[in-house]
Protein backbone atom coordinates (compact mmCIF):
# COMPACT_ATOMS: atom_id res chain seq x y z
CA UNK A 1 -21.90 40.26 -26.80
CA UNK A 2 -19.68 40.29 -23.71
CA UNK A 3 -16.50 38.29 -23.32
CA UNK A 4 -16.60 35.28 -20.99
CA UNK A 5 -15.07 35.79 -17.54
CA UNK A 6 -11.79 33.97 -17.10
CA UNK A 7 -11.85 31.43 -14.31
CA UNK A 8 -9.00 30.46 -12.04
CA UNK A 9 -8.22 26.84 -11.32
CA UNK A 10 -9.52 25.66 -7.95
CA UNK A 11 -6.60 23.42 -7.06
CA UNK A 12 -4.79 24.24 -3.82
CA UNK A 13 -1.03 24.00 -3.80
CA UNK A 14 -0.12 21.42 -1.17
CA UNK A 15 3.25 22.77 -0.01
CA UNK A 16 2.01 26.14 1.44
CA UNK A 17 -1.02 24.41 2.94
CA UNK A 18 1.18 21.79 4.61
CA UNK A 19 3.55 24.45 5.99
CA UNK A 20 0.60 26.42 7.38
CA UNK A 21 -0.82 23.29 8.99
CA UNK A 22 2.53 22.44 10.59
CA UNK A 23 2.91 25.98 11.94
CA UNK A 24 -0.58 25.86 13.48
CA UNK A 25 0.11 22.46 15.06
CA UNK A 26 3.44 23.71 16.45
CA UNK A 27 1.78 26.82 17.92
CA UNK A 28 -0.92 24.73 19.60
CA UNK A 29 1.70 22.35 21.01
CA UNK A 30 3.78 25.29 22.32
CA UNK A 31 0.70 26.75 24.03
CA UNK A 32 -0.10 23.39 25.59
CA UNK A 33 3.45 23.07 26.96
CA UNK A 34 3.36 26.61 28.38
CA UNK A 35 0.02 25.99 30.10
CA UNK A 36 1.29 22.67 31.45
CA UNK A 37 4.33 24.43 32.91
CA UNK A 38 2.17 27.10 34.54
CA UNK A 39 -0.23 24.72 36.29
CA UNK A 40 -0.47 25.77 39.97
CA UNK A 41 0.07 22.20 41.24
CA UNK A 42 3.57 22.21 39.76
CA UNK A 43 4.67 25.32 41.67
CA UNK A 44 7.24 24.91 44.35
CA UNK A 45 6.24 25.69 47.94
CA UNK A 46 8.61 28.68 47.93
CA UNK A 47 6.37 30.45 45.37
CA UNK A 48 3.09 31.22 47.07
CA UNK A 49 -0.01 32.28 45.22
CA UNK A 50 -0.92 35.93 45.71
CA UNK A 51 -3.46 36.56 48.42
CA UNK A 52 -6.41 38.91 48.32
CA UNK A 53 -5.93 42.28 50.02
CA UNK A 54 -7.94 43.13 53.09
CA UNK A 55 -11.45 44.33 52.34
CA UNK A 56 -11.73 46.61 55.36
CA UNK A 57 -11.22 50.32 54.79
CA UNK A 58 -8.21 52.01 56.32
CA UNK A 59 -8.57 53.65 59.72
CA UNK A 60 -7.02 56.94 58.61
CA UNK A 61 -7.06 59.00 55.44
CA UNK A 62 -3.96 59.83 53.46
CA UNK A 63 -2.75 63.39 52.95
CA UNK A 64 -4.07 63.40 49.39
CA UNK A 65 -7.48 62.22 50.52
CA UNK A 66 -7.64 64.95 53.16
CA UNK A 67 -6.62 67.56 50.58
CA UNK A 68 -9.25 66.36 48.13
CA UNK A 69 -11.94 66.41 50.84
CA UNK A 70 -11.00 70.01 51.70
CA UNK A 71 -11.23 70.97 48.03
CA UNK A 72 -14.65 69.31 47.76
CA UNK A 73 -15.90 71.21 50.82
CA UNK A 74 -14.61 74.49 49.33
CA UNK A 75 -16.36 73.83 46.03
CA UNK A 76 -19.57 72.82 47.81
CA UNK A 77 -19.51 76.13 49.70
CA UNK A 78 -18.66 78.23 46.63
CA UNK A 79 -20.86 76.59 43.99
CA UNK A 80 -24.34 77.56 45.26
CA UNK A 81 -23.23 81.20 45.62
CA UNK A 82 -21.81 81.20 42.10
CA UNK A 83 -25.02 79.72 40.68
CA UNK A 84 -27.11 82.31 42.53
CA UNK A 85 -24.93 85.12 41.13
CA UNK A 86 -25.21 83.66 37.61
CA UNK A 87 -28.97 83.16 37.75
CA UNK A 88 -29.50 86.50 39.48
CA UNK A 89 -27.51 88.31 36.79
CA UNK A 90 -29.55 86.69 34.03
CA UNK A 91 -32.87 88.10 35.27
């Protein structure tokens, strides 16, 4: 016959539970105060909200964009020849 399984008491100690509850309430209150302080209506007129950047593309390309476009053209010119050499050598 097997031995009975020992059971633990189901009572919850009140002191750690109360401390945990107080910490959770304090954290919620701190978050509420922080959100209240960050409400846009409370901002001073000197601090303006960020504006959206212009959606139109630039009139000219940067040096890096021009360099990348030149590299893309070089690869586009070289790649078909390289594929033809590879495929032709495999026959």
